Protein backbone atom coordinates (compact mmCIF):
# COMPACT_ATOMS: atom_id res chain seq x y z
CA MET A 1 -8.79 20.57 1.72
CA THR A 2 -12.39 19.53 2.02
CA SER A 3 -14.68 20.09 4.97
CA GLU A 4 -15.19 16.38 5.58
CA ALA A 5 -15.38 15.30 9.17
CA ALA A 6 -12.07 14.12 10.60
CA PHE A 7 -11.27 10.48 9.77
CA ASP A 8 -9.72 8.25 12.39
CA PRO A 9 -7.51 5.73 10.55
CA THR A 10 -7.11 3.61 13.67
CA ALA A 11 -10.84 2.94 14.07
CA PRO A 12 -12.48 -0.15 12.52
CA LEU A 13 -14.27 0.46 9.23
CA ALA A 14 -17.92 -0.45 8.91
CA GLY A 15 -18.92 -3.66 7.18
CA PRO A 16 -21.78 -4.03 4.73
CA PRO A 17 -25.39 -3.40 5.85
CA ASP A 18 -27.54 -6.23 7.24
CA PRO A 19 -29.24 -7.52 5.12
CA TRP A 20 -26.34 -7.35 2.69
CA GLU A 21 -26.40 -5.01 -0.29
CA SER A 22 -23.71 -3.75 -2.64
CA THR A 23 -22.26 -0.29 -2.13
CA SER A 24 -23.52 2.78 -3.94
CA THR A 25 -21.36 5.45 -5.56
CA PRO A 26 -18.98 6.94 -2.93
CA SER A 27 -19.78 10.42 -1.67
CA THR A 28 -18.08 13.12 -3.75
CA ARG A 29 -15.19 15.04 -2.28
CA SER A 30 -14.07 18.18 -4.06
CA GLY A 31 -10.39 17.56 -3.25
CA PRO A 32 -8.06 15.67 -0.98
CA PRO A 33 -8.21 13.96 1.37
CA TYR A 34 -10.18 11.55 -0.81
CA HIS A 35 -11.78 8.37 0.44
CA MET A 36 -8.72 6.66 -1.08
CA THR A 37 -6.45 8.85 1.02
CA ASP A 38 -8.28 7.75 4.13
CA MET A 39 -8.22 4.07 3.21
CA ILE A 40 -4.45 4.11 2.66
CA ALA A 41 -3.98 5.66 6.09
CA ALA A 42 -6.29 3.01 7.64
CA GLU A 43 -4.56 -0.02 6.12
CA PRO A 44 -1.82 -0.65 8.72
CA TYR A 45 -4.42 -0.81 11.50
CA LEU A 46 -6.87 -2.83 9.42
CA ALA A 47 -4.22 -5.36 8.62
CA ARG A 48 -3.34 -5.82 12.26
CA ARG A 49 -7.02 -6.46 13.10
CA ILE A 50 -7.37 -9.03 10.33
CA VAL A 51 -4.27 -10.93 11.48
CA GLU A 52 -5.41 -10.89 15.11
CA ARG A 53 -8.89 -12.15 14.17
CA LEU A 54 -7.62 -14.92 11.89
CA THR A 55 -4.72 -16.14 13.96
CA ARG A 56 -6.95 -18.04 16.34
CA PRO A 57 -6.79 -21.86 15.97
CA ASP A 58 -10.57 -22.03 15.61
CA SER A 59 -10.81 -19.29 12.96
CA PRO A 60 -12.07 -19.82 9.40
CA ALA A 61 -8.49 -19.21 8.23
CA ALA A 62 -7.38 -22.29 10.14
CA ARG A 63 -10.22 -24.32 8.63
CA LEU A 64 -9.28 -23.18 5.15
CA ALA A 65 -5.63 -24.01 5.80
CA ALA A 66 -6.65 -27.55 6.80
CA GLU A 67 -8.72 -27.87 3.56
CA ILE A 68 -5.76 -26.62 1.51
CA ARG A 69 -3.42 -29.09 3.18
CA ALA A 70 -5.82 -32.01 2.56
CA THR A 71 -6.19 -30.97 -1.07
CA LEU A 72 -2.48 -30.72 -1.70
CA GLU A 73 -1.64 -33.90 0.15
CA ALA A 74 -4.10 -35.70 -2.13
CA GLY A 75 -2.16 -34.34 -5.11
CA ASP A 76 -4.97 -32.07 -6.17
CA PRO A 77 -4.66 -28.40 -7.16
CA VAL A 78 -5.74 -25.25 -5.35
CA THR A 79 -7.13 -22.65 -7.72
CA LEU A 80 -7.73 -19.04 -6.75
CA THR A 81 -9.95 -16.71 -8.78
CA GLY A 82 -11.29 -13.18 -8.88
CA CYS A 83 -11.96 -10.14 -11.10
CA GLY A 84 -10.23 -6.76 -11.32
CA THR A 85 -8.50 -5.84 -8.09
CA SER A 86 -9.62 -9.16 -6.63
CA GLU A 87 -7.99 -10.96 -9.58
CA HIS A 88 -4.72 -9.33 -8.66
CA ALA A 89 -5.26 -10.28 -5.01
CA ALA A 90 -5.89 -13.86 -6.19
CA LEU A 91 -2.60 -13.84 -8.09
CA ALA A 92 -0.85 -12.44 -5.00
CA THR A 93 -2.41 -15.01 -2.68
CA ALA A 94 -1.35 -17.83 -5.04
CA GLU A 95 2.25 -16.61 -4.59
CA ILE A 96 1.78 -16.61 -0.79
CA LEU A 97 0.20 -20.07 -0.65
CA ARG A 98 2.82 -21.67 -2.90
CA GLU A 99 5.57 -20.49 -0.57
CA ALA A 100 3.61 -21.61 2.52
CA ALA A 101 3.03 -25.04 1.00
CA GLN A 102 6.79 -25.46 0.47
CA ALA A 103 7.40 -24.43 4.06
CA ALA A 104 4.79 -27.03 5.12
CA ASN A 105 6.79 -29.77 3.32
CA LEU A 106 4.40 -30.00 0.38
CA PRO A 107 7.00 -29.46 -2.37
CA ASN A 108 4.83 -30.67 -5.25
CA ALA A 109 1.90 -28.42 -4.42
CA ILE A 110 -0.09 -27.06 -7.36
CA VAL A 111 -1.39 -23.61 -6.51
CA SER A 112 -2.50 -21.27 -9.31
CA SER A 113 -4.88 -18.43 -10.18
CA GLU A 114 -7.43 -18.25 -13.01
CA GLN A 115 -9.53 -15.33 -14.17
CA ALA A 116 -13.09 -15.77 -12.87
CA PHE A 117 -14.95 -15.58 -16.19
CA GLU A 118 -12.73 -18.23 -17.73
CA LEU A 119 -12.99 -20.43 -14.66
CA SER A 120 -16.78 -20.18 -14.70
CA LEU A 121 -16.76 -21.59 -18.24
CA ALA A 122 -14.28 -24.39 -17.49
CA PRO A 123 -14.28 -25.37 -13.80
CA PRO A 124 -11.38 -27.56 -12.66
CA THR A 125 -11.93 -31.31 -12.69
CA ARG A 126 -10.12 -31.71 -9.36
CA GLY A 127 -9.15 -29.74 -6.30
CA LEU A 128 -10.23 -26.73 -4.29
CA VAL A 129 -11.46 -23.43 -5.68
CA ILE A 130 -11.02 -20.22 -3.61
CA GLY A 131 -12.78 -17.06 -4.72
CA ILE A 132 -11.55 -13.57 -3.83
CA SER A 133 -14.31 -10.90 -3.85
CA HIS A 134 -14.14 -7.78 -1.65
CA GLU A 135 -17.88 -7.20 -1.41
CA GLY A 136 -18.96 -10.66 -2.44
CA GLY A 137 -21.21 -9.51 -5.24
CA THR A 138 -19.06 -9.81 -8.41
CA THR A 139 -21.07 -11.67 -11.02
CA ALA A 140 -18.22 -13.51 -12.75
CA THR A 141 -16.52 -14.57 -9.49
CA ASN A 142 -19.77 -15.89 -8.07
CA ALA A 143 -20.40 -17.72 -11.36
CA ALA A 144 -16.95 -19.33 -11.03
CA ILE A 145 -17.64 -20.45 -7.44
CA ARG A 146 -21.07 -21.79 -8.42
CA SER A 147 -19.65 -23.59 -11.43
CA ALA A 148 -16.98 -25.24 -9.32
CA ARG A 149 -19.52 -26.18 -6.66
CA ASP A 150 -21.91 -27.65 -9.23
CA ALA A 151 -19.02 -29.68 -10.67
CA GLY A 152 -18.49 -31.19 -7.21
CA ARG A 153 -15.42 -29.22 -6.22
CA PRO A 154 -14.98 -27.96 -2.62
CA THR A 155 -15.13 -24.16 -2.53
CA ALA A 156 -14.10 -21.26 -0.31
CA VAL A 157 -14.24 -17.50 -0.56
CA ILE A 158 -12.41 -14.61 1.06
CA THR A 159 -14.87 -11.69 1.28
CA VAL A 160 -16.13 -8.99 3.64
CA SER A 161 -19.15 -10.95 4.91
CA ARG A 162 -20.60 -14.42 4.88
CA ARG A 163 -23.98 -12.67 4.30
CA SER A 164 -22.86 -11.68 0.75
CA PRO A 165 -23.88 -13.65 -2.34
CA ALA A 166 -20.40 -15.15 -2.49
CA GLY A 167 -20.62 -16.18 1.12
CA ALA A 168 -23.81 -18.02 0.45
CA LEU A 169 -22.19 -20.03 -2.35
CA ALA A 170 -18.96 -21.18 -0.77
CA GLY A 171 -18.32 -24.00 1.65
CA ILE A 172 -15.73 -22.05 3.69
CA VAL A 173 -15.98 -18.31 4.17
CA VAL A 174 -13.08 -16.24 5.51
CA GLU A 175 -14.46 -12.85 6.41
CA THR A 176 -12.41 -9.70 6.31
CA ASP A 177 -15.28 -7.73 7.99
CA GLU A 178 -14.40 -4.14 6.99
CA LEU A 179 -15.52 -2.42 3.81
CA ASP A 180 -13.64 -0.07 1.45
CA HIS A 181 -15.11 3.48 1.40
CA GLY A 182 -14.15 4.12 -2.23
CA TRP A 183 -14.42 2.30 -5.50
CA CYS A 184 -10.75 2.58 -6.37
CA HIS A 185 -10.23 -0.37 -4.06
CA THR A 186 -7.29 -0.23 -1.70
CA ILE A 187 -8.75 -2.15 1.25
CA GLY A 188 -10.22 -4.50 -1.38
CA TYR A 189 -6.71 -5.42 -2.54
CA LEU A 190 -4.95 -5.61 0.81
CA SER A 191 -7.60 -7.44 2.87
CA PRO A 192 -7.51 -10.79 1.05
CA ILE A 193 -3.68 -10.67 0.91
CA VAL A 194 -3.45 -10.26 4.67
CA ALA A 195 -6.17 -12.95 5.18
CA VAL A 196 -4.29 -15.47 3.02
CA ALA A 197 -1.02 -14.60 4.74
CA SER A 198 -2.88 -15.71 7.91
CA VAL A 199 -4.06 -18.87 6.15
CA GLY A 200 -0.47 -19.51 5.06
CA ALA A 201 0.69 -19.13 8.65
CA HIS A 202 -1.73 -21.88 9.74
CA LEU A 203 -0.64 -24.04 6.82
CA SER A 204 3.13 -23.66 7.42
CA GLY A 205 3.03 -23.57 11.20
CA ARG A 206 4.90 -20.24 11.21
CA PRO A 207 3.13 -17.51 13.19
CA LEU A 208 2.37 -14.30 11.33
CA ASP A 209 3.64 -11.24 13.23
CA ALA A 210 0.82 -8.68 13.27
CA SER A 211 3.19 -5.94 14.40
CA ALA A 212 5.53 -6.59 11.49
CA VAL A 213 2.63 -6.47 8.99
CA GLU A 214 1.35 -3.22 10.53
CA GLY A 215 4.79 -1.64 10.57
CA LEU A 216 5.56 -2.55 6.99
CA LEU A 217 2.34 -0.97 5.76
CA ALA A 218 2.80 2.10 7.99
CA ALA A 219 6.29 2.66 6.57
CA GLY A 220 4.84 2.69 3.10
CA THR A 221 2.35 5.43 3.99
CA ARG A 222 5.20 7.79 4.86
CA GLY A 223 6.47 8.17 1.27
CA GLU A 224 4.33 11.21 0.39
CA THR A 225 7.23 13.37 -0.74
CA SER A 226 8.68 10.65 -3.02
CA ALA A 227 5.21 9.83 -4.40
CA GLU A 228 4.56 13.47 -5.23
CA ARG A 229 7.91 13.77 -7.04
CA ILE A 230 7.16 10.68 -9.15
CA ALA A 231 3.59 11.80 -9.82
CA ALA A 232 4.83 15.21 -11.03
CA ALA A 233 7.22 13.49 -13.44
CA LEU A 234 4.62 11.10 -14.81
CA ALA A 235 1.42 13.25 -14.80
CA ASP A 236 1.64 14.33 -18.43
CA ALA A 237 3.11 11.10 -19.83
CA SER A 238 1.39 9.77 -22.95
CA THR A 239 1.27 6.26 -21.44
CA LEU A 240 2.68 4.41 -18.53
CA LEU A 241 4.32 1.01 -18.39
CA VAL A 242 4.75 -0.99 -15.19
CA ILE A 243 7.27 -3.83 -15.09
CA ALA A 244 7.85 -6.47 -12.42
CA THR A 245 9.18 -9.95 -11.84
CA GLY A 246 8.60 -12.86 -9.47
CA ALA A 247 6.16 -12.29 -6.60
CA ASP A 248 5.97 -8.59 -7.51
CA ARG A 249 4.04 -9.30 -10.70
CA PRO A 250 0.54 -9.09 -9.04
CA ALA A 251 1.50 -5.72 -7.58
CA GLY A 252 2.56 -4.52 -10.98
CA ARG A 253 -0.80 -5.49 -12.49
CA GLU A 254 -2.61 -3.83 -9.58
CA LEU A 255 -0.69 -0.59 -10.02
CA VAL A 256 -1.76 -0.47 -13.68
CA LEU A 257 -5.41 -0.93 -12.72
CA LYS A 258 -5.26 1.64 -9.93
CA ILE A 259 -3.64 4.26 -12.16
CA GLU A 260 -6.16 3.79 -14.91
CA GLU A 261 -9.12 3.84 -12.45
CA ALA A 262 -7.86 6.77 -10.42
CA SER A 263 -6.03 9.06 -12.81
CA TRP A 264 -7.25 7.92 -16.24
CA LEU A 265 -3.70 7.64 -17.58
CA PRO A 266 -3.48 4.79 -20.15
CA SER A 267 -1.22 2.15 -18.67
CA ALA A 268 -0.03 -1.39 -19.35
CA TYR A 269 1.75 -4.12 -17.44
CA ARG A 270 4.72 -6.10 -18.73
CA ASP A 271 6.78 -8.82 -17.06
CA LEU A 272 10.34 -7.59 -16.68
CA GLU A 273 11.77 -9.85 -19.37
CA THR A 274 8.80 -9.40 -21.68
CA PHE A 275 9.29 -5.62 -21.65
CA LEU A 276 12.62 -6.12 -23.50
CA HIS A 277 11.22 -8.38 -26.20
CA GLY A 278 9.50 -6.10 -28.70
CA HIS A 279 7.80 -3.36 -26.65
CA LEU A 280 10.56 -0.74 -26.67
CA PRO A 281 9.88 0.43 -30.27
CA ALA A 282 6.47 1.73 -29.12
CA THR A 283 8.00 3.93 -26.42
CA ASP A 284 9.69 7.33 -26.40
CA ALA A 285 10.50 10.18 -24.04
CA THR A 286 6.81 10.70 -23.32
CA THR A 287 6.50 7.18 -21.93
CA GLY A 288 6.44 6.70 -18.16
CA LEU A 289 7.91 3.55 -16.58
CA VAL A 290 7.63 2.15 -13.06
CA LEU A 291 9.65 -0.85 -11.90
CA ILE A 292 8.42 -2.83 -8.85
CA LEU A 293 11.10 -5.01 -7.28
CA ALA A 294 10.72 -6.16 -3.66
CA ASP A 295 10.76 -9.92 -4.00
CA PRO A 296 13.76 -11.33 -2.04
CA ASP A 297 13.85 -14.62 -3.99
CA HIS A 298 16.62 -14.72 -6.64
CA ARG A 299 17.17 -11.03 -5.95
CA ALA A 300 20.61 -10.78 -7.52
CA GLU A 301 19.37 -12.13 -10.87
CA ARG A 302 16.25 -9.93 -10.82
CA VAL A 303 18.27 -6.82 -9.97
CA ALA A 304 20.77 -7.46 -12.77
CA ARG A 305 18.03 -7.80 -15.36
CA ALA A 306 16.16 -4.81 -13.99
CA ARG A 307 19.34 -2.73 -14.28
CA GLN A 308 19.56 -3.68 -17.97
CA ALA A 309 15.90 -2.80 -18.55
CA LEU A 310 16.30 0.58 -16.89
CA ALA A 311 19.44 1.25 -18.89
CA ALA A 312 17.51 0.60 -22.11
CA ALA A 313 14.75 2.94 -20.91
CA ARG A 314 17.34 5.62 -20.10
CA VAL A 315 18.76 5.52 -23.67
CA ILE A 316 15.24 6.13 -25.05
CA GLY A 317 14.57 8.84 -22.53
CA GLN A 318 11.66 7.22 -20.76
CA ARG A 319 10.58 8.73 -17.42
CA ALA A 320 11.54 5.86 -15.17
CA ALA A 321 10.62 5.50 -11.51
CA ALA A 322 10.65 2.55 -9.11
CA ILE A 323 9.05 0.97 -6.02
CA VAL A 324 11.89 -1.15 -4.60
CA SER A 325 13.00 -2.71 -1.37
CA ALA A 326 15.74 -1.05 0.65
CA ASP A 327 18.40 -3.57 -0.44
CA VAL A 328 17.44 -3.18 -4.12
CA ASP A 329 17.53 0.61 -3.71
CA ALA A 330 21.15 0.36 -2.65
CA LEU A 331 22.02 -1.80 -5.68
CA LEU A 332 20.51 0.39 -8.43
CA ASP A 333 22.25 3.57 -9.58
CA ARG A 334 20.11 6.66 -8.99
CA ASP A 335 20.39 7.83 -12.58
CA LEU A 336 18.43 4.76 -13.72
CA THR A 337 15.27 6.14 -12.11
CA PRO A 338 15.30 9.89 -12.76
CA ALA A 339 11.57 10.22 -11.87
CA GLY A 340 12.26 8.99 -8.37
CA ARG A 341 11.74 6.01 -6.05
CA LEU A 342 9.53 4.76 -3.30
CA VAL A 343 11.51 2.46 -0.97
CA VAL A 344 9.92 -0.57 0.71
CA GLN A 345 11.28 -1.68 4.08
CA GLU A 346 12.92 -5.09 4.29
CA ALA A 347 10.94 -7.49 6.44
CA PRO A 348 13.06 -10.60 6.95
CA GLY A 349 10.71 -11.86 9.68
CA LEU A 350 7.92 -12.36 7.16
CA PRO A 351 7.79 -14.98 4.35
CA GLY A 352 9.27 -13.55 1.13
CA PRO A 353 6.07 -13.11 -0.94
CA VAL A 354 4.20 -11.75 2.09
CA ALA A 355 6.95 -9.17 2.70
CA ALA A 356 7.11 -8.14 -0.96
CA LEU A 357 3.38 -7.97 -1.64
CA ILE A 358 2.36 -6.30 1.63
CA GLY A 359 5.35 -4.01 1.56
CA SER A 360 4.55 -2.67 -1.90
CA THR A 361 0.82 -2.18 -1.24
CA THR A 362 0.73 1.25 0.42
CA PRO A 363 3.52 2.68 -1.78
CA LEU A 364 1.76 1.70 -5.02
CA GLN A 365 -1.52 3.05 -3.70
CA LEU A 366 0.06 6.25 -2.46
CA LEU A 367 1.68 6.81 -5.86
CA THR A 368 -1.71 6.27 -7.50
CA GLU A 369 -3.41 8.75 -5.22
CA ARG A 370 -0.75 11.43 -5.75
CA LEU A 371 -0.87 10.87 -9.50
CA ALA A 372 -4.65 11.47 -9.39
CA ARG A 373 -3.98 14.75 -7.61
CA ALA A 374 -1.35 15.77 -10.12
CA ARG A 375 -3.72 15.02 -13.01
CA GLY A 376 -6.71 16.69 -11.36
CA THR A 377 -8.89 13.60 -11.11
CA ASN A 378 -10.96 12.23 -8.24
CA PRO A 379 -9.96 8.59 -7.64
CA ASP A 380 -12.92 7.52 -5.50
CA ALA A 381 -15.69 6.99 -8.06
CA ILE A 382 -13.50 5.49 -10.87
CA ARG A 383 -15.18 8.01 -13.21
CA ARG A 384 -18.70 6.76 -12.41
CA ASP A 385 -19.58 10.37 -11.56
CA ASP A 386 -19.50 11.05 -15.30
CA PRO A 387 -22.82 10.25 -17.09
CA LEU A 388 -20.94 8.88 -20.08
CA TYR A 389 -19.05 6.38 -18.01
CA VAL A 390 -22.19 5.48 -16.06
CA ALA A 391 -23.86 4.72 -19.38
CA ALA A 392 -20.85 2.62 -20.45
CA SER A 393 -21.09 0.66 -17.20
CA ASP A 394 -24.78 0.13 -17.65
CA ALA A 395 -24.13 -1.09 -21.22
CA ALA A 396 -21.57 -3.59 -19.97
CA GLU A 397 -24.01 -4.98 -17.40
CA SER A 398 -27.21 -4.94 -19.44
């Protein structure tokens, strides 16, 4: 344990300084609890605060919901965008908004996500562009918002502060207010998902239960023993594959990024069906595998195909683990995931994509943090405490 001052996970996290500036390298901790450890513990309480702030009828979330409705009713698309963790949050929020639009009787809604660099080069010719940027300073994301604005498109951003560069560019700013303490972003992934779940509640007219969101995240933080078992099984794997389907796909991509940032284990994402179409020959008993399956939509079909994928992995001897909902856990034989499981609570009171994506957040982050411990890496600085990787970052930005 380190000698860091006690961290209160229930207390609000500080926002960016005024005037705004981007964060510097996180303070170094010699061992757990890392900043990432603290952020995971804080997420249930953070999420509740975001929901309570954005549920008000005069909130920016309500204004953005009205803009989304007007866009979709006109037959125009809504495009979300971001980079890195924020790109995965943009993919997640697209899932949430598509479902909310259907619930709002907008069955032909076009809601999609585009990587920010690509969008900056080819802004949409119609519709609303929504950027996702935790700190609001990501160059490619801001270029995408600027490109859309200059092309005459309405814009919005979900970010920590309207004082950020992204906040200055967008027409509507939904603030999440509280800043991640580490660079292996956990708060940075969850905050926009919760914010857009609040936007979706305004759009669909279905209230978002702050207690249910808090409870779902809190349940995920209690899987330490399972996370440690999985981490021990995967720590010396040669590579790790993450597979998912449906609304769980953004979480799968985020788990890959988190593991590579935090534990430096080479990892790759595959859609569930794609995994079985040519990738197996490159795997063996040194390959780790993690299935994420919490999406309640078409669950029977997804479970059946996941069972087949895990059976194939078992024949090869892959070290398979899973992050699954409670109902899925009951449907999959234990011997299909010999490396262990993290089980996500069912949350029938929340929209399906909201339940799946929020429910898997703390488990996937907890697994990442325990894998970093097992491999002896510090997750907080994403290796920017190594001069070689600082030089690589400088080369990428020069």
